[in-house]
Amino acid sequence: MRRISITGVLTGGVVDIVATNVAAIPIVGYVIATSGIGNLPKTQQTAAVMVAIKASVGLYLTLGVLGALCSVLGGYVAAVLARRAEVFNGALSAYLCVGFGLWTLLVGQGQLPTWLGILLLPLSPALGALGGYLRTEQVRRRAGAAATGAA
């Protein structure tokens, strides 16, 4: 239990979700501006935006890549705050992504086919672990450079 940084994991998870949503804003704005969705009643706009994004492979992949990068960022933040077991804490920072993924699968609200949603569930912790690994490498290189400079 001493390996887990509650602050790091909680903060990393929130950073992941918030960054993903902020990164999606320009894409959603673009879809609304170019598709006439803004003229629809507010209650229909969200569903129409999702349909438009799903219809464009480029937009859908862009959102996926942005989400993946934000998961790496969340893992990195968790590792920075943890200052121990960086890869492990980075992986744990995916708790919100995994939780939301499981919830959408259980209630049938997923945007992906069920088989793909299940297949992608382990991706979030793997991306968070990558963020933790990047932090580990950064610390290792700084320590190596400091040791070289001191010699």
C-alpha atoms as a PDB file:
ATOM      1  CA  MET A   1       0.000   0.000   0.000  1.00  0.00           C
ATOM      2  CA  ARG A   2       2.926   2.338   0.595  1.00  0.00           C
ATOM      3  CA  ARG A   3       3.681   2.176  -3.117  1.00  0.00           C
ATOM      4  CA  ILE A   4       0.361   3.794  -3.991  1.00  0.00           C
ATOM      5  CA  SER A   5       0.126   7.580  -3.892  1.00  0.00           C
ATOM      6  CA  ILE A   6      -3.548   8.377  -3.369  1.00  0.00           C
ATOM      7  CA  THR A   7      -2.953  12.030  -4.237  1.00  0.00           C
ATOM      8  CA  GLY A   8      -1.017  11.134  -7.379  1.00  0.00           C
ATOM      9  CA  VAL A   9      -3.546   8.561  -8.577  1.00  0.00           C
ATOM     10  CA  LEU A  10      -6.593  10.744  -7.890  1.00  0.00           C
ATOM     11  CA  THR A  11      -5.032  13.821  -9.475  1.00  0.00           C
ATOM     12  CA  GLY A  12      -3.721  11.895 -12.479  1.00  0.00           C
ATOM     13  CA  GLY A  13      -7.168  10.440 -13.141  1.00  0.00           C
ATOM     14  CA  VAL A  14      -8.814  13.852 -12.996  1.00  0.00           C
ATOM     15  CA  VAL A  15      -6.118  15.348 -15.260  1.00  0.00           C
ATOM     16  CA  ASP A  16      -6.775  12.560 -17.783  1.00  0.00           C
ATOM     17  CA  ILE A  17     -10.531  13.176 -17.937  1.00  0.00           C
ATOM     18  CA  VAL A  18     -10.366  16.987 -17.846  1.00  0.00           C
ATOM     19  CA  ALA A  19      -7.600  17.154 -20.464  1.00  0.00           C
ATOM     20  CA  THR A  20      -9.506  14.766 -22.729  1.00  0.00           C
ATOM     21  CA  ASN A  21     -12.640  16.908 -22.534  1.00  0.00           C
ATOM     22  CA  VAL A  22     -10.721  20.151 -23.077  1.00  0.00           C
ATOM     23  CA  ALA A  23      -8.890  18.638 -26.059  1.00  0.00           C
ATOM     24  CA  ALA A  24     -12.224  17.580 -27.581  1.00  0.00           C
ATOM     25  CA  ILE A  25     -13.730  21.082 -27.458  1.00  0.00           C
ATOM     26  CA  PRO A  26     -12.192  22.320 -30.739  1.00  0.00           C
ATOM     27  CA  ILE A  27     -13.281  19.171 -32.560  1.00  0.00           C
ATOM     28  CA  VAL A  28     -16.831  19.375 -31.235  1.00  0.00           C
ATOM     29  CA  GLY A  29     -16.893  23.088 -32.119  1.00  0.00           C
ATOM     30  CA  TYR A  30     -15.714  22.285 -35.634  1.00  0.00           C
ATOM     31  CA  VAL A  31     -18.423  19.645 -36.050  1.00  0.00           C
ATOM     32  CA  ILE A  32     -21.117  22.024 -34.821  1.00  0.00           C
ATOM     33  CA  ALA A  33     -19.883  24.866 -37.035  1.00  0.00           C
ATOM     34  CA  THR A  34     -19.583  22.815 -40.213  1.00  0.00           C
ATOM     35  CA  SER A  35     -22.621  20.565 -39.972  1.00  0.00           C
ATOM     36  CA  GLY A  36     -25.474  22.870 -39.021  1.00  0.00           C
ATOM     37  CA  ILE A  37     -25.982  21.046 -35.722  1.00  0.00           C
ATOM     38  CA  GLY A  38     -26.116  24.402 -33.969  1.00  0.00           C
ATOM     39  CA  ASN A  39     -29.560  24.941 -35.521  1.00  0.00           C
ATOM     40  CA  LEU A  40     -30.990  21.854 -33.821  1.00  0.00           C
ATOM     41  CA  PRO A  41     -32.754  22.033 -30.448  1.00  0.00           C
ATOM     42  CA  LYS A  42     -30.298  21.766 -27.555  1.00  0.00           C
ATOM     43  CA  THR A  43     -31.708  18.387 -26.553  1.00  0.00           C
ATOM     44  CA  GLN A  44     -30.729  16.889 -29.925  1.00  0.00           C
ATOM     45  CA  GLN A  45     -27.308  18.485 -30.364  1.00  0.00           C
ATOM     46  CA  THR A  46     -25.226  16.019 -28.332  1.00  0.00           C
ATOM     47  CA  ALA A  47     -26.558  12.993 -30.169  1.00  0.00           C
ATOM     48  CA  ALA A  48     -26.111  14.740 -33.522  1.00  0.00           C
ATOM     49  CA  VAL A  49     -22.501  15.640 -32.691  1.00  0.00           C
ATOM     50  CA  MET A  50     -21.767  11.998 -31.812  1.00  0.00           C
ATOM     51  CA  VAL A  51     -23.341  10.782 -35.055  1.00  0.00           C
ATOM     52  CA  ALA A  52     -21.303  13.299 -37.068  1.00  0.00           C
ATOM     53  CA  ILE A  53     -18.048  12.336 -35.326  1.00  0.00           C
ATOM     54  CA  LYS A  54     -18.704   8.623 -35.801  1.00  0.00           C
ATOM     55  CA  ALA A  55     -19.392   9.253 -39.480  1.00  0.00           C
ATOM     56  CA  SER A  56     -15.917  10.753 -39.953  1.00  0.00           C
ATOM     57  CA  VAL A  57     -13.070   8.300 -39.498  1.00  0.00           C
ATOM     58  CA  GLY A  58     -10.589  11.195 -39.318  1.00  0.00           C
ATOM     59  CA  LEU A  59     -12.433  12.993 -36.531  1.00  0.00           C
ATOM     60  CA  TYR A  60     -13.041   9.767 -34.638  1.00  0.00           C
ATOM     61  CA  LEU A  61      -9.373   8.766 -34.835  1.00  0.00           C
ATOM     62  CA  THR A  62      -8.281  12.277 -33.858  1.00  0.00           C
ATOM     63  CA  LEU A  63     -10.432  12.112 -30.731  1.00  0.00           C
ATOM     64  CA  GLY A  64      -9.035   8.659 -29.961  1.00  0.00           C
ATOM     65  CA  VAL A  65      -5.436   9.834 -30.301  1.00  0.00           C
ATOM     66  CA  LEU A  66      -6.109  12.914 -28.180  1.00  0.00           C
ATOM     67  CA  GLY A  67      -7.726  10.745 -25.511  1.00  0.00           C
ATOM     68  CA  ALA A  68      -4.736   8.395 -25.558  1.00  0.00           C
ATOM     69  CA  LEU A  69      -2.289  11.280 -25.179  1.00  0.00           C
ATOM     70  CA  CYS A  70      -4.335  12.640 -22.281  1.00  0.00           C
ATOM     71  CA  SER A  71      -4.177   9.211 -20.589  1.00  0.00           C
ATOM     72  CA  VAL A  72      -0.381   9.316 -20.927  1.00  0.00           C
ATOM     73  CA  LEU A  73      -0.443  12.831 -19.433  1.00  0.00           C
ATOM     74  CA  GLY A  74      -2.591  11.638 -16.517  1.00  0.00           C
ATOM     75  CA  GLY A  75      -0.143   8.808 -15.836  1.00  0.00           C
ATOM     76  CA  TYR A  76       2.783  11.222 -15.999  1.00  0.00           C
ATOM     77  CA  VAL A  77       1.115  13.606 -13.524  1.00  0.00           C
ATOM     78  CA  ALA A  78       0.346  10.711 -11.181  1.00  0.00           C
ATOM     79  CA  ALA A  79       3.989   9.602 -11.361  1.00  0.00           C
ATOM     80  CA  VAL A  80       5.324  13.110 -10.706  1.00  0.00           C
ATOM     81  CA  LEU A  81       3.148  13.475  -7.629  1.00  0.00           C
ATOM     82  CA  ALA A  82       3.801   9.922  -6.400  1.00  0.00           C
ATOM     83  CA  ARG A  83       7.621  10.114  -6.581  1.00  0.00           C
ATOM     84  CA  ARG A  84       7.673   6.335  -6.167  1.00  0.00           C
ATOM     85  CA  ALA A  85       6.502   3.332  -8.176  1.00  0.00           C
ATOM     86  CA  GLU A  86       5.889   5.718 -11.061  1.00  0.00           C
ATOM     87  CA  VAL A  87       4.734   3.134 -13.603  1.00  0.00           C
ATOM     88  CA  PHE A  88       2.356   1.531 -11.097  1.00  0.00           C
ATOM     89  CA  ASN A  89       0.849   4.853 -10.002  1.00  0.00           C
ATOM     90  CA  GLY A  90       0.597   5.933 -13.640  1.00  0.00           C
ATOM     91  CA  ALA A  91      -1.389   2.794 -14.462  1.00  0.00           C
ATOM     92  CA  LEU A  92      -3.677   3.336 -11.471  1.00  0.00           C
ATOM     93  CA  SER A  93      -4.454   6.861 -12.694  1.00  0.00           C
ATOM     94  CA  ALA A  94      -6.712   5.275 -15.338  1.00  0.00           C
ATOM     95  CA  TYR A  95      -9.325   4.463 -12.668  1.00  0.00           C
ATOM     96  CA  LEU A  96     -11.835   6.982 -14.043  1.00  0.00           C
ATOM     97  CA  CYS A  97     -11.417   5.835 -17.656  1.00  0.00           C
ATOM     98  CA  VAL A  98     -11.795   2.187 -16.674  1.00  0.00           C
ATOM     99  CA  GLY A  99     -14.728   2.998 -14.405  1.00  0.00           C
ATOM    100  CA  PHE A 100     -16.535   4.992 -17.098  1.00  0.00           C
ATOM    101  CA  GLY A 101     -15.760   2.267 -19.635  1.00  0.00           C
ATOM    102  CA  LEU A 102     -17.199  -0.444 -17.405  1.00  0.00           C
ATOM    103  CA  TRP A 103     -20.234   1.674 -16.609  1.00  0.00           C
ATOM    104  CA  THR A 104     -21.013   2.303 -20.299  1.00  0.00           C
ATOM    105  CA  LEU A 105     -20.632  -1.412 -21.020  1.00  0.00           C
ATOM    106  CA  LEU A 106     -22.927  -2.385 -18.131  1.00  0.00           C
ATOM    107  CA  VAL A 107     -25.687   0.094 -18.953  1.00  0.00           C
ATOM    108  CA  GLY A 108     -25.389  -0.328 -22.713  1.00  0.00           C
ATOM    109  CA  GLN A 109     -24.518   3.298 -23.412  1.00  0.00           C
ATOM    110  CA  GLY A 110     -21.179   2.623 -25.096  1.00  0.00           C
ATOM    111  CA  GLN A 111     -20.197   4.463 -28.262  1.00  0.00           C
ATOM    112  CA  LEU A 112     -18.333   1.374 -29.486  1.00  0.00           C
ATOM    113  CA  PRO A 113     -19.400  -2.195 -30.136  1.00  0.00           C
ATOM    114  CA  THR A 114     -19.322  -4.164 -26.869  1.00  0.00           C
ATOM    115  CA  TRP A 115     -16.487  -6.458 -28.007  1.00  0.00           C
ATOM    116  CA  LEU A 116     -14.315  -3.452 -28.884  1.00  0.00           C
ATOM    117  CA  GLY A 117     -15.130  -1.704 -25.596  1.00  0.00           C
ATOM    118  CA  ILE A 118     -14.023  -4.801 -23.678  1.00  0.00           C
ATOM    119  CA  LEU A 119     -10.893  -5.115 -25.801  1.00  0.00           C
ATOM    120  CA  LEU A 120      -9.939  -1.465 -25.191  1.00  0.00           C
ATOM    121  CA  LEU A 121     -10.474  -1.448 -21.391  1.00  0.00           C
ATOM    122  CA  PRO A 122      -6.849  -2.428 -20.615  1.00  0.00           C
ATOM    123  CA  LEU A 123      -5.569   0.297 -22.951  1.00  0.00           C
ATOM    124  CA  SER A 124      -6.170   3.116 -20.450  1.00  0.00           C
ATOM    125  CA  PRO A 125      -4.016   1.622 -17.668  1.00  0.00           C
ATOM    126  CA  ALA A 126      -1.350   0.761 -20.253  1.00  0.00           C
ATOM    127  CA  LEU A 127      -1.284   4.374 -21.460  1.00  0.00           C
ATOM    128  CA  GLY A 128      -1.186   5.653 -17.875  1.00  0.00           C
ATOM    129  CA  ALA A 129       1.701   3.272 -17.192  1.00  0.00           C
ATOM    130  CA  LEU A 130       3.464   4.702 -20.248  1.00  0.00           C
ATOM    131  CA  GLY A 131       3.153   8.165 -18.700  1.00  0.00           C
ATOM    132  CA  GLY A 132       4.659   6.781 -15.480  1.00  0.00           C
ATOM    133  CA  TYR A 133       7.450   5.143 -17.458  1.00  0.00           C
ATOM    134  CA  LEU A 134       8.234   8.426 -19.225  1.00  0.00           C
ATOM    135  CA  ARG A 135       8.546  10.085 -15.811  1.00  0.00           C
ATOM    136  CA  THR A 136      10.807   7.260 -14.595  1.00  0.00           C
ATOM    137  CA  GLU A 137      13.078   7.740 -17.600  1.00  0.00           C
ATOM    138  CA  GLN A 138      13.130  11.492 -17.081  1.00  0.00           C
ATOM    139  CA  VAL A 139      14.217  11.077 -13.456  1.00  0.00           C
ATOM    140  CA  ARG A 140      16.830   8.468 -14.431  1.00  0.00           C
ATOM    141  CA  ARG A 141      18.334  10.719 -17.108  1.00  0.00           C
ATOM    142  CA  ARG A 142      18.465  13.701 -14.760  1.00  0.00           C
ATOM    143  CA  ALA A 143      20.192  11.584 -12.123  1.00  0.00           C
ATOM    144  CA  GLY A 144      22.677  10.332 -14.729  1.00  0.00           C
ATOM    145  CA  ALA A 145      23.359  13.870 -15.941  1.00  0.00           C
ATOM    146  CA  ALA A 146      23.823  15.100 -12.362  1.00  0.00           C
ATOM    147  CA  ALA A 147      26.249  12.265 -11.627  1.00  0.00           C
ATOM    148  CA  THR A 148      28.190  13.005 -14.797  1.00  0.00           C
ATOM    149  CA  GLY A 149      28.300  16.717 -13.995  1.00  0.00           C
ATOM    150  CA  ALA A 150      29.516  16.071 -10.450  1.00  0.00           C
ATOM    151  CA  ALA A 151      32.391  13.906 -11.621  1.00  0.00           C
END
